[in-house]
Amino acid sequence: MEGVNFEGVNLQGAILRGANLKNTNFWYADLKGADFHGANLESASINCADLQGANLSEASLKNTNFLQTDLQQTNFQSANLSGANLQDANLKNCNLQAANLQGANLRETKFEESIFKNVTIDKNNIFRLPIKILEKYQNTFLVV
């Protein structure tokens, strides 16, 4: 399904485990509770979408755009978010354990109550995380 246009589509609860969704357009899509475990979403556009409660564990999200996307309670465990655009995205209560955020755009991103254990992040971005998260997970970050 590489390069498919899912703009504005309702895929709530869809099971897309391991799917190749590289360069796919999900603008304004309803992806609540969708299962993308292990999917390839590299360079996808998921802007202004709703992914609340979605499973993106072990997904490849390199250079994916999540601009102004609702990602509350999303599972990003072991996901590769390197180079992803998370500007103004809502990642409240997300599981980012062992995720790679190297080179991601974290401007204005909301991370309240998220899990950051063993996260890889670059030294230019670590200061964008809330103080509470830095204090709680300070010994588990891999800063590159």
N, C-alpha and C. Protein backbone atom coordinates (compact mmCIF):
# COMPACT_ATOMS: atom_id res chain seq x y z
N MET A 1 0.83 -1.19 0.00
CA MET A 1 0.00 0.00 0.00
C MET A 1 0.87 1.26 0.00
N GLU A 2 2.07 1.15 -0.44
CA GLU A 2 2.99 2.28 -0.47
C GLU A 2 2.42 3.41 -1.31
N GLY A 3 2.44 4.63 -0.74
CA GLY A 3 2.02 5.83 -1.46
C GLY A 3 0.52 6.03 -1.60
N VAL A 4 -0.30 5.26 -0.90
CA VAL A 4 -1.76 5.38 -0.99
C VAL A 4 -2.22 6.67 -0.32
N ASN A 5 -3.30 7.25 -0.81
CA ASN A 5 -3.87 8.46 -0.23
C ASN A 5 -5.07 8.09 0.65
N PHE A 6 -4.87 8.17 1.99
CA PHE A 6 -5.92 7.90 2.96
C PHE A 6 -6.42 9.21 3.60
N GLU A 7 -6.28 10.31 2.91
CA GLU A 7 -6.67 11.61 3.47
C GLU A 7 -8.13 11.60 3.89
N GLY A 8 -8.37 11.94 5.18
CA GLY A 8 -9.71 12.07 5.72
C GLY A 8 -10.45 10.76 5.91
N VAL A 9 -9.81 9.63 5.71
CA VAL A 9 -10.46 8.33 5.79
C VAL A 9 -10.59 7.88 7.25
N ASN A 10 -11.66 7.16 7.55
CA ASN A 10 -11.86 6.60 8.88
C ASN A 10 -11.28 5.19 8.90
N LEU A 11 -10.14 5.03 9.57
CA LEU A 11 -9.50 3.73 9.74
C LEU A 11 -9.43 3.38 11.22
N GLN A 12 -10.40 3.86 11.97
CA GLN A 12 -10.44 3.62 13.40
C GLN A 12 -10.42 2.11 13.68
N GLY A 13 -9.45 1.67 14.48
CA GLY A 13 -9.33 0.27 14.86
C GLY A 13 -8.78 -0.64 13.77
N ALA A 14 -8.31 -0.09 12.66
CA ALA A 14 -7.79 -0.90 11.56
C ALA A 14 -6.55 -1.68 12.00
N ILE A 15 -6.37 -2.85 11.43
CA ILE A 15 -5.19 -3.68 11.72
C ILE A 15 -4.30 -3.64 10.48
N LEU A 16 -3.18 -2.92 10.63
CA LEU A 16 -2.22 -2.74 9.54
C LEU A 16 -0.83 -3.18 9.98
N ARG A 17 -0.78 -4.23 10.77
CA ARG A 17 0.49 -4.76 11.30
C ARG A 17 1.42 -5.15 10.17
N GLY A 18 2.65 -4.62 10.22
CA GLY A 18 3.66 -4.98 9.25
C GLY A 18 3.43 -4.46 7.84
N ALA A 19 2.45 -3.62 7.65
CA ALA A 19 2.12 -3.11 6.31
C ALA A 19 3.20 -2.15 5.81
N ASN A 20 3.39 -2.11 4.50
CA ASN A 20 4.29 -1.14 3.89
C ASN A 20 3.46 0.08 3.51
N LEU A 21 3.56 1.13 4.32
CA LEU A 21 2.80 2.35 4.13
C LEU A 21 3.73 3.54 3.90
N LYS A 22 4.88 3.25 3.34
CA LYS A 22 5.87 4.29 3.06
C LYS A 22 5.27 5.33 2.11
N ASN A 23 5.53 6.62 2.41
CA ASN A 23 5.06 7.75 1.59
C ASN A 23 3.53 7.84 1.49
N THR A 24 2.84 7.29 2.46
CA THR A 24 1.38 7.31 2.46
C THR A 24 0.85 8.60 3.08
N ASN A 25 -0.30 9.06 2.60
CA ASN A 25 -0.93 10.29 3.09
C ASN A 25 -2.10 9.94 4.01
N PHE A 26 -1.99 10.34 5.29
CA PHE A 26 -3.05 10.13 6.27
C PHE A 26 -3.56 11.47 6.82
N TRP A 27 -3.43 12.55 6.08
CA TRP A 27 -3.90 13.86 6.56
C TRP A 27 -5.35 13.74 7.01
N TYR A 28 -5.64 14.29 8.20
CA TYR A 28 -6.99 14.36 8.76
C TYR A 28 -7.66 13.00 8.93
N ALA A 29 -6.93 11.92 8.89
CA ALA A 29 -7.52 10.58 9.02
C ALA A 29 -7.85 10.27 10.48
N ASP A 30 -8.88 9.45 10.69
CA ASP A 30 -9.23 8.96 12.01
C ASP A 30 -8.58 7.58 12.16
N LEU A 31 -7.50 7.53 12.95
CA LEU A 31 -6.73 6.31 13.13
C LEU A 31 -6.76 5.85 14.59
N LYS A 32 -7.78 6.27 15.33
CA LYS A 32 -7.88 5.91 16.75
C LYS A 32 -7.84 4.40 16.91
N GLY A 33 -6.96 3.95 17.78
CA GLY A 33 -6.89 2.53 18.11
C GLY A 33 -6.36 1.64 16.99
N ALA A 34 -5.86 2.22 15.91
CA ALA A 34 -5.34 1.42 14.80
C ALA A 34 -4.05 0.69 15.23
N ASP A 35 -3.80 -0.47 14.64
CA ASP A 35 -2.63 -1.27 14.98
C ASP A 35 -1.65 -1.27 13.82
N PHE A 36 -0.55 -0.51 14.00
CA PHE A 36 0.51 -0.40 13.00
C PHE A 36 1.79 -1.10 13.48
N HIS A 37 1.67 -2.07 14.37
CA HIS A 37 2.85 -2.73 14.92
C HIS A 37 3.75 -3.22 13.79
N GLY A 38 5.03 -2.79 13.82
CA GLY A 38 6.01 -3.23 12.84
C GLY A 38 5.81 -2.71 11.43
N ALA A 39 4.90 -1.77 11.24
CA ALA A 39 4.64 -1.24 9.90
C ALA A 39 5.73 -0.29 9.45
N ASN A 40 5.88 -0.15 8.15
CA ASN A 40 6.81 0.81 7.57
C ASN A 40 6.02 2.05 7.17
N LEU A 41 6.16 3.11 7.96
CA LEU A 41 5.49 4.38 7.70
C LEU A 41 6.51 5.47 7.40
N GLU A 42 7.65 5.09 6.86
CA GLU A 42 8.69 6.07 6.56
C GLU A 42 8.18 7.11 5.57
N SER A 43 8.48 8.36 5.89
CA SER A 43 8.13 9.52 5.05
C SER A 43 6.63 9.65 4.81
N ALA A 44 5.81 9.07 5.68
CA ALA A 44 4.35 9.24 5.58
C ALA A 44 3.95 10.61 6.10
N SER A 45 2.81 11.10 5.66
CA SER A 45 2.24 12.36 6.14
C SER A 45 1.01 12.03 6.97
N ILE A 46 1.15 12.20 8.29
CA ILE A 46 0.05 11.88 9.21
C ILE A 46 -0.35 13.16 9.94
N ASN A 47 -0.34 14.27 9.22
CA ASN A 47 -0.62 15.57 9.80
C ASN A 47 -2.10 15.75 10.12
N CYS A 48 -2.36 16.43 11.23
CA CYS A 48 -3.72 16.78 11.65
C CYS A 48 -4.61 15.55 11.77
N ALA A 49 -4.03 14.40 12.07
CA ALA A 49 -4.78 13.15 12.20
C ALA A 49 -5.02 12.84 13.67
N ASP A 50 -5.83 11.83 13.94
CA ASP A 50 -6.12 11.39 15.29
C ASP A 50 -5.67 9.95 15.44
N LEU A 51 -4.60 9.74 16.21
CA LEU A 51 -4.05 8.41 16.46
C LEU A 51 -4.16 8.02 17.93
N GLN A 52 -5.11 8.57 18.64
CA GLN A 52 -5.25 8.27 20.06
C GLN A 52 -5.35 6.77 20.27
N GLY A 53 -4.50 6.24 21.15
CA GLY A 53 -4.55 4.83 21.51
C GLY A 53 -4.05 3.89 20.43
N ALA A 54 -3.41 4.40 19.39
CA ALA A 54 -2.89 3.55 18.32
C ALA A 54 -1.64 2.79 18.77
N ASN A 55 -1.36 1.69 18.10
CA ASN A 55 -0.16 0.91 18.38
C ASN A 55 0.83 1.10 17.24
N LEU A 56 1.92 1.83 17.51
CA LEU A 56 2.99 2.04 16.54
C LEU A 56 4.29 1.42 17.04
N SER A 57 4.16 0.42 17.89
CA SER A 57 5.35 -0.23 18.43
C SER A 57 6.12 -0.91 17.30
N GLU A 58 7.44 -0.78 17.39
CA GLU A 58 8.38 -1.36 16.42
C GLU A 58 8.15 -0.88 14.98
N ALA A 59 7.40 0.19 14.81
CA ALA A 59 7.17 0.75 13.48
C ALA A 59 8.35 1.60 13.04
N SER A 60 8.57 1.64 11.73
CA SER A 60 9.58 2.53 11.18
C SER A 60 8.89 3.83 10.78
N LEU A 61 9.21 4.89 11.50
CA LEU A 61 8.56 6.19 11.32
C LEU A 61 9.58 7.26 10.94
N LYS A 62 10.67 6.84 10.30
CA LYS A 62 11.72 7.77 9.91
C LYS A 62 11.14 8.82 8.96
N ASN A 63 11.42 10.09 9.29
CA ASN A 63 11.02 11.23 8.46
C ASN A 63 9.51 11.33 8.25
N THR A 64 8.74 10.76 9.15
CA THR A 64 7.28 10.84 9.08
C THR A 64 6.83 12.17 9.69
N ASN A 65 5.80 12.76 9.10
CA ASN A 65 5.25 14.03 9.59
C ASN A 65 4.02 13.78 10.45
N PHE A 66 4.07 14.27 11.69
CA PHE A 66 2.95 14.18 12.64
C PHE A 66 2.52 15.59 13.07
N LEU A 67 2.68 16.56 12.23
CA LEU A 67 2.38 17.95 12.57
C LEU A 67 0.94 18.09 13.05
N GLN A 68 0.77 18.64 14.25
CA GLN A 68 -0.53 18.89 14.87
C GLN A 68 -1.40 17.64 14.95
N THR A 69 -0.77 16.52 15.28
CA THR A 69 -1.48 15.24 15.35
C THR A 69 -1.73 14.86 16.80
N ASP A 70 -2.90 14.27 17.06
CA ASP A 70 -3.23 13.81 18.41
C ASP A 70 -2.75 12.38 18.57
N LEU A 71 -1.72 12.20 19.39
CA LEU A 71 -1.09 10.90 19.60
C LEU A 71 -1.22 10.44 21.05
N GLN A 72 -2.21 10.95 21.76
CA GLN A 72 -2.38 10.59 23.17
C GLN A 72 -2.52 9.09 23.32
N GLN A 73 -1.85 8.55 24.32
CA GLN A 73 -1.91 7.14 24.71
C GLN A 73 -1.49 6.20 23.58
N THR A 74 -0.64 6.69 22.68
CA THR A 74 -0.13 5.87 21.58
C THR A 74 1.09 5.10 22.05
N ASN A 75 1.23 3.88 21.56
CA ASN A 75 2.36 3.03 21.91
C ASN A 75 3.43 3.15 20.84
N PHE A 76 4.56 3.79 21.18
CA PHE A 76 5.71 3.94 20.29
C PHE A 76 6.88 3.08 20.76
N GLN A 77 6.63 2.06 21.57
CA GLN A 77 7.72 1.26 22.11
C GLN A 77 8.58 0.69 20.99
N SER A 78 9.89 0.96 21.08
CA SER A 78 10.89 0.49 20.11
C SER A 78 10.65 1.00 18.69
N ALA A 79 9.92 2.09 18.55
CA ALA A 79 9.68 2.67 17.23
C ALA A 79 10.85 3.56 16.83
N ASN A 80 11.09 3.66 15.53
CA ASN A 80 12.14 4.53 15.02
C ASN A 80 11.49 5.81 14.52
N LEU A 81 11.63 6.88 15.31
CA LEU A 81 11.08 8.19 14.98
C LEU A 81 12.17 9.16 14.57
N SER A 82 13.31 8.65 14.12
CA SER A 82 14.41 9.54 13.75
C SER A 82 13.99 10.41 12.57
N GLY A 83 14.22 11.70 12.72
CA GLY A 83 13.88 12.66 11.68
C GLY A 83 12.39 12.96 11.56
N ALA A 84 11.57 12.39 12.44
CA ALA A 84 10.12 12.63 12.37
C ALA A 84 9.80 14.07 12.76
N ASN A 85 8.73 14.60 12.18
CA ASN A 85 8.27 15.94 12.53
C ASN A 85 7.11 15.80 13.51
N LEU A 86 7.38 16.08 14.79
CA LEU A 86 6.38 15.99 15.84
C LEU A 86 6.00 17.38 16.37
N GLN A 87 6.22 18.39 15.55
CA GLN A 87 5.94 19.76 15.99
C GLN A 87 4.47 19.93 16.32
N ASP A 88 4.22 20.43 17.52
CA ASP A 88 2.87 20.71 18.02
C ASP A 88 1.99 19.47 18.11
N ALA A 89 2.60 18.28 18.15
CA ALA A 89 1.84 17.04 18.32
C ALA A 89 1.57 16.81 19.80
N ASN A 90 0.52 16.07 20.11
CA ASN A 90 0.15 15.77 21.48
C ASN A 90 0.51 14.32 21.78
N LEU A 91 1.58 14.12 22.56
CA LEU A 91 2.03 12.78 22.93
C LEU A 91 1.81 12.51 24.42
N LYS A 92 0.75 13.04 24.96
CA LYS A 92 0.44 12.83 26.37
C LYS A 92 0.14 11.36 26.63
N ASN A 93 0.72 10.83 27.72
CA ASN A 93 0.53 9.44 28.15
C ASN A 93 0.98 8.41 27.11
N CYS A 94 2.00 8.72 26.33
CA CYS A 94 2.51 7.78 25.32
C CYS A 94 3.62 6.90 25.89
N ASN A 95 3.76 5.72 25.31
CA ASN A 95 4.86 4.84 25.65
C ASN A 95 5.93 5.02 24.59
N LEU A 96 7.03 5.67 24.96
CA LEU A 96 8.16 5.90 24.07
C LEU A 96 9.37 5.09 24.51
N GLN A 97 9.14 4.04 25.28
CA GLN A 97 10.23 3.22 25.79
C GLN A 97 11.03 2.63 24.63
N ALA A 98 12.34 2.86 24.67
CA ALA A 98 13.31 2.36 23.67
C ALA A 98 13.08 2.94 22.28
N ALA A 99 12.36 4.05 22.17
CA ALA A 99 12.15 4.70 20.87
C ALA A 99 13.38 5.52 20.48
N ASN A 100 13.52 5.75 19.19
CA ASN A 100 14.61 6.57 18.67
C ASN A 100 14.04 7.90 18.21
N LEU A 101 14.39 8.99 18.90
CA LEU A 101 13.93 10.34 18.56
C LEU A 101 15.06 11.18 17.99
N GLN A 102 16.10 10.55 17.53
CA GLN A 102 17.27 11.27 17.03
C GLN A 102 16.88 12.10 15.80
N GLY A 103 17.16 13.40 15.88
CA GLY A 103 16.89 14.30 14.77
C GLY A 103 15.43 14.65 14.57
N ALA A 104 14.55 14.23 15.48
CA ALA A 104 13.12 14.55 15.35
C ALA A 104 12.87 16.02 15.68
N ASN A 105 11.84 16.60 15.07
CA ASN A 105 11.43 17.96 15.37
C ASN A 105 10.46 17.89 16.55
N LEU A 106 10.89 18.36 17.71
CA LEU A 106 10.09 18.29 18.93
C LEU A 106 9.58 19.65 19.39
N ARG A 107 9.57 20.63 18.51
CA ARG A 107 9.11 21.97 18.88
C ARG A 107 7.64 21.94 19.26
N GLU A 108 7.34 22.48 20.43
CA GLU A 108 5.97 22.61 20.93
C GLU A 108 5.26 21.27 21.11
N THR A 109 6.00 20.17 21.15
CA THR A 109 5.41 18.85 21.35
C THR A 109 5.04 18.68 22.82
N LYS A 110 3.88 18.09 23.07
CA LYS A 110 3.40 17.88 24.44
C LYS A 110 3.69 16.43 24.85
N PHE A 111 4.44 16.26 25.96
CA PHE A 111 4.87 14.94 26.40
C PHE A 111 4.41 14.59 27.82
N GLU A 112 3.43 15.28 28.37
CA GLU A 112 3.04 15.06 29.76
C GLU A 112 2.74 13.59 30.03
N GLU A 113 3.32 13.07 31.11
CA GLU A 113 3.05 11.73 31.63
C GLU A 113 3.44 10.61 30.67
N SER A 114 4.32 10.87 29.73
CA SER A 114 4.78 9.83 28.81
C SER A 114 5.95 9.06 29.41
N ILE A 115 6.15 7.84 28.93
CA ILE A 115 7.24 6.98 29.38
C ILE A 115 8.41 7.14 28.42
N PHE A 116 9.59 7.49 28.96
CA PHE A 116 10.78 7.76 28.17
C PHE A 116 11.96 6.87 28.53
N LYS A 117 11.73 5.71 29.03
CA LYS A 117 12.82 4.84 29.46
C LYS A 117 13.61 4.33 28.25
N ASN A 118 14.95 4.50 28.31
CA ASN A 118 15.87 4.03 27.26
C ASN A 118 15.64 4.66 25.89
N VAL A 119 15.26 5.91 25.87
CA VAL A 119 15.03 6.64 24.62
C VAL A 119 16.36 7.18 24.08
N THR A 120 16.54 7.06 22.76
CA THR A 120 17.69 7.66 22.09
C THR A 120 17.26 9.02 21.57
N ILE A 121 18.03 10.04 21.93
CA ILE A 121 17.69 11.41 21.55
C ILE A 121 18.99 12.19 21.31
N ASP A 122 18.96 13.13 20.40
CA ASP A 122 20.17 13.90 20.15
C ASP A 122 20.29 15.04 21.15
N LYS A 123 21.52 15.49 21.36
CA LYS A 123 21.80 16.50 22.39
C LYS A 123 21.11 17.82 22.10
N ASN A 124 20.76 18.10 20.86
CA ASN A 124 20.07 19.35 20.52
C ASN A 124 18.59 19.30 20.89
N ASN A 125 18.04 18.11 21.10
CA ASN A 125 16.61 17.98 21.38
C ASN A 125 16.29 17.70 22.84
N ILE A 126 17.25 17.24 23.59
CA ILE A 126 16.94 16.83 24.96
C ILE A 126 16.35 17.97 25.78
N PHE A 127 16.76 19.21 25.49
CA PHE A 127 16.25 20.35 26.25
C PHE A 127 14.78 20.65 25.92
N ARG A 128 14.23 20.06 24.89
CA ARG A 128 12.82 20.28 24.53
C ARG A 128 11.86 19.42 25.36
N LEU A 129 12.40 18.50 26.14
CA LEU A 129 11.56 17.64 26.97
C LEU A 129 11.24 18.34 28.29
N PRO A 130 10.06 18.08 28.85
CA PRO A 130 9.70 18.68 30.14
C PRO A 130 10.67 18.26 31.25
N ILE A 131 10.93 19.16 32.18
CA ILE A 131 11.83 18.92 33.30
C ILE A 131 11.44 17.65 34.06
N LYS A 132 10.16 17.42 34.28
CA LYS A 132 9.71 16.24 35.02
C LYS A 132 10.16 14.95 34.34
N ILE A 133 10.09 14.91 33.03
CA ILE A 133 10.52 13.72 32.29
C ILE A 133 12.04 13.57 32.37
N LEU A 134 12.75 14.68 32.22
CA LEU A 134 14.21 14.63 32.30
C LEU A 134 14.67 14.11 33.66
N GLU A 135 14.02 14.57 34.71
CA GLU A 135 14.39 14.14 36.06
C GLU A 135 14.05 12.66 36.28
N LYS A 136 12.87 12.26 35.83
CA LYS A 136 12.41 10.89 36.07
C LYS A 136 13.24 9.85 35.31
N TYR A 137 13.63 10.16 34.07
CA TYR A 137 14.32 9.19 33.22
C TYR A 137 15.77 9.56 32.91
N GLN A 138 16.34 10.49 33.70
CA GLN A 138 17.67 11.03 33.40
C GLN A 138 18.75 9.97 33.19
N ASN A 139 18.69 8.88 33.89
CA ASN A 139 19.74 7.87 33.77
C ASN A 139 19.47 6.85 32.67
N THR A 140 18.36 6.98 31.95
CA THR A 140 18.06 5.99 30.92
C THR A 140 18.19 6.52 29.51
N PHE A 141 18.30 7.84 29.33
CA PHE A 141 18.44 8.41 27.98
C PHE A 141 19.76 8.03 27.36
N LEU A 142 19.76 7.76 26.07
CA LEU A 142 20.98 7.62 25.30
C LEU A 142 21.08 8.88 24.45
N VAL A 143 21.93 9.80 24.86
CA VAL A 143 22.07 11.08 24.18
C VAL A 143 23.20 10.97 23.17
N VAL A 144 22.88 11.24 21.89
CA VAL A 144 23.88 11.14 20.82
C VAL A 144 24.16 12.47 20.18
